[in-house]
C-alpha atoms as a PDB file:
ATOM      1  CA  MET A   1     -23.978  46.911 -19.783  1.00  0.00           C
ATOM      2  CA  MET A   2     -22.256  43.587 -21.032  1.00  0.00           C
ATOM      3  CA  HIS A   3     -24.096  40.814 -22.631  1.00  0.00           C
ATOM      4  CA  TRP A   4     -22.744  37.332 -21.522  1.00  0.00           C
ATOM      5  CA  GLY A   5     -24.529  35.231 -24.033  1.00  0.00           C
ATOM      6  CA  ASP A   6     -25.903  31.763 -23.356  1.00  0.00           C
ATOM      7  CA  TYR A   7     -22.777  31.010 -21.466  1.00  0.00           C
ATOM      8  CA  GLY A   8     -23.582  33.015 -18.331  1.00  0.00           C
ATOM      9  CA  ALA A   9     -20.661  34.736 -16.567  1.00  0.00           C
ATOM     10  CA  MET A  10     -18.216  31.920 -17.157  1.00  0.00           C
ATOM     11  CA  GLY A  11     -17.998  32.664 -20.855  1.00  0.00           C
ATOM     12  CA  TYR A  12     -16.383  29.748 -22.871  1.00  0.00           C
ATOM     13  CA  GLY A  13     -13.809  28.855 -20.399  1.00  0.00           C
ATOM     14  CA  GLY A  14     -16.216  28.303 -17.678  1.00  0.00           C
ATOM     15  CA  ALA A  15     -16.393  24.569 -18.021  1.00  0.00           C
ATOM     16  CA  GLY A  16     -13.081  24.061 -19.539  1.00  0.00           C
ATOM     17  CA  LEU A  17     -11.349  22.762 -16.201  1.00  0.00           C
ATOM     18  CA  GLY A  18     -14.393  21.142 -14.820  1.00  0.00           C
ATOM     19  CA  TRP A  19     -13.878  17.741 -16.572  1.00  0.00           C
ATOM     20  CA  VAL A  20     -10.435  17.797 -15.228  1.00  0.00           C
ATOM     21  CA  PHE A  21     -11.479  18.350 -11.490  1.00  0.00           C
ATOM     22  CA  MET A  22     -14.347  15.347 -12.114  1.00  0.00           C
ATOM     23  CA  ILE A  23     -11.405  12.990 -13.240  1.00  0.00           C
ATOM     24  CA  LEU A  24      -9.319  13.825 -10.337  1.00  0.00           C
ATOM     25  CA  PHE A  25     -12.312  13.555  -7.924  1.00  0.00           C
ATOM     26  CA  TRP A  26     -13.109   9.930  -9.308  1.00  0.00           C
ATOM     27  CA  ALA A  27      -9.821   8.814  -9.322  1.00  0.00           C
ATOM     28  CA  LEU A  28      -9.257   9.800  -5.673  1.00  0.00           C
ATOM     29  CA  VAL A  29     -12.660   7.994  -4.809  1.00  0.00           C
ATOM     30  CA  ILE A  30     -11.185   4.820  -6.611  1.00  0.00           C
ATOM     31  CA  LEU A  31      -7.857   4.972  -5.112  1.00  0.00           C
ATOM     32  CA  GLY A  32      -9.465   5.375  -1.696  1.00  0.00           C
ATOM     33  CA  ILE A  33     -11.718   2.399  -2.229  1.00  0.00           C
ATOM     34  CA  ILE A  34      -8.703   0.269  -3.370  1.00  0.00           C
ATOM     35  CA  HIS A  35      -6.870   1.184  -0.077  1.00  0.00           C
ATOM     36  CA  LEU A  36      -9.809   0.481   2.159  1.00  0.00           C
ATOM     37  CA  VAL A  37     -10.115  -2.823   0.530  1.00  0.00           C
ATOM     38  CA  LYS A  38      -6.366  -3.544   0.826  1.00  0.00           C
ATOM     39  CA  LYS A  39      -6.559  -2.564   4.417  1.00  0.00           C
ATOM     40  CA  LEU A  40      -9.634  -4.721   5.285  1.00  0.00           C
ATOM     41  CA  THR A  41      -8.464  -7.691   3.595  1.00  0.00           C
ATOM     42  CA  GLY A  42      -4.720  -7.452   4.816  1.00  0.00           C
ATOM     43  CA  ASN A  43      -3.294  -7.577   1.245  1.00  0.00           C
ATOM     44  CA  SER A  44      -0.711  -4.903   1.887  1.00  0.00           C
ATOM     45  CA  LYS A  45       3.069  -4.697   1.650  1.00  0.00           C
ATOM     46  CA  GLU A  46       3.405  -5.507   5.462  1.00  0.00           C
ATOM     47  CA  ALA A  47       1.950  -8.872   4.819  1.00  0.00           C
ATOM     48  CA  GLY A  48       4.706  -9.923   2.504  1.00  0.00           C
ATOM     49  CA  THR A  49       7.570  -8.870   4.701  1.00  0.00           C
ATOM     50  CA  LYS A  50       7.401 -11.456   7.408  1.00  0.00           C
ATOM     51  CA  GLU A  51      10.526 -12.978   8.281  1.00  0.00           C
ATOM     52  CA  SER A  52      10.746 -16.672   7.986  1.00  0.00           C
ATOM     53  CA  ALA A  53      11.686 -18.884  11.074  1.00  0.00           C
ATOM     54  CA  GLU A  54      15.090 -19.660   9.526  1.00  0.00           C
ATOM     55  CA  ASP A  55      15.777 -15.973   9.005  1.00  0.00           C
ATOM     56  CA  ILE A  56      15.102 -15.064  12.727  1.00  0.00           C
ATOM     57  CA  LEU A  57      17.011 -18.077  13.846  1.00  0.00           C
ATOM     58  CA  LYS A  58      20.094 -17.008  11.593  1.00  0.00           C
ATOM     59  CA  LYS A  59      19.821 -13.462  13.031  1.00  0.00           C
ATOM     60  CA  ARG A  60      19.695 -14.757  16.706  1.00  0.00           C
ATOM     61  CA  PHE A  61      22.954 -16.916  16.014  1.00  0.00           C
ATOM     62  CA  ALA A  62      24.893 -14.139  14.274  1.00  0.00           C
ATOM     63  CA  ALA A  63      23.927 -11.875  17.195  1.00  0.00           C
ATOM     64  CA  GLY A  64      25.326 -14.426  19.582  1.00  0.00           C
ATOM     65  CA  GLU A  65      22.019 -14.913  21.388  1.00  0.00           C
ATOM     66  CA  ILE A  66      22.103 -18.749  20.882  1.00  0.00           C
ATOM     67  CA  ALA A  67      24.975 -21.325  20.591  1.00  0.00           C
ATOM     68  CA  ILE A  68      25.844 -23.342  17.789  1.00  0.00           C
ATOM     69  CA  ASP A  69      24.145 -26.656  19.076  1.00  0.00           C
ATOM     70  CA  GLU A  70      20.976 -24.834  19.923  1.00  0.00           C
ATOM     71  CA  TYR A  71      21.049 -23.277  16.294  1.00  0.00           C
ATOM     72  CA  ASN A  72      21.607 -26.793  14.884  1.00  0.00           C
ATOM     73  CA  ASP A  73      18.698 -28.424  16.931  1.00  0.00           C
ATOM     74  CA  LYS A  74      16.273 -25.675  16.029  1.00  0.00           C
ATOM     75  CA  MET A  75      17.253 -25.789  12.280  1.00  0.00           C
ATOM     76  CA  SER A  76      16.769 -29.384  12.013  1.00  0.00           C
ATOM     77  CA  ILE A  77      13.268 -28.937  13.697  1.00  0.00           C
ATOM     78  CA  ILE A  78      12.543 -26.423  11.188  1.00  0.00           C
ATOM     79  CA  ASN A  79      13.689 -28.316   8.231  1.00  0.00           C
ATOM     80  CA  LYS A  80      11.577 -31.320   9.375  1.00  0.00           C
ATOM     81  CA  HIS A  81       8.316 -29.424   8.658  1.00  0.00           C
END
């Protein structure tokens, strides 16, 4: 019968990868918490991609949805504020 010594059936390599998995586990926990906080506070990439009123107006004019007079009127209103 074979004697395993004080390390049990795992030998010297039994705990070799344990620390790697522990680091991966905690990294995933921390990333999950960060993601949850961003989602709850609304600080995500989607919040920074909102179009300005000028951009929307320019797109509507370029698409032919509004005439030049309406474009100029609305642009002057936007620029006043």
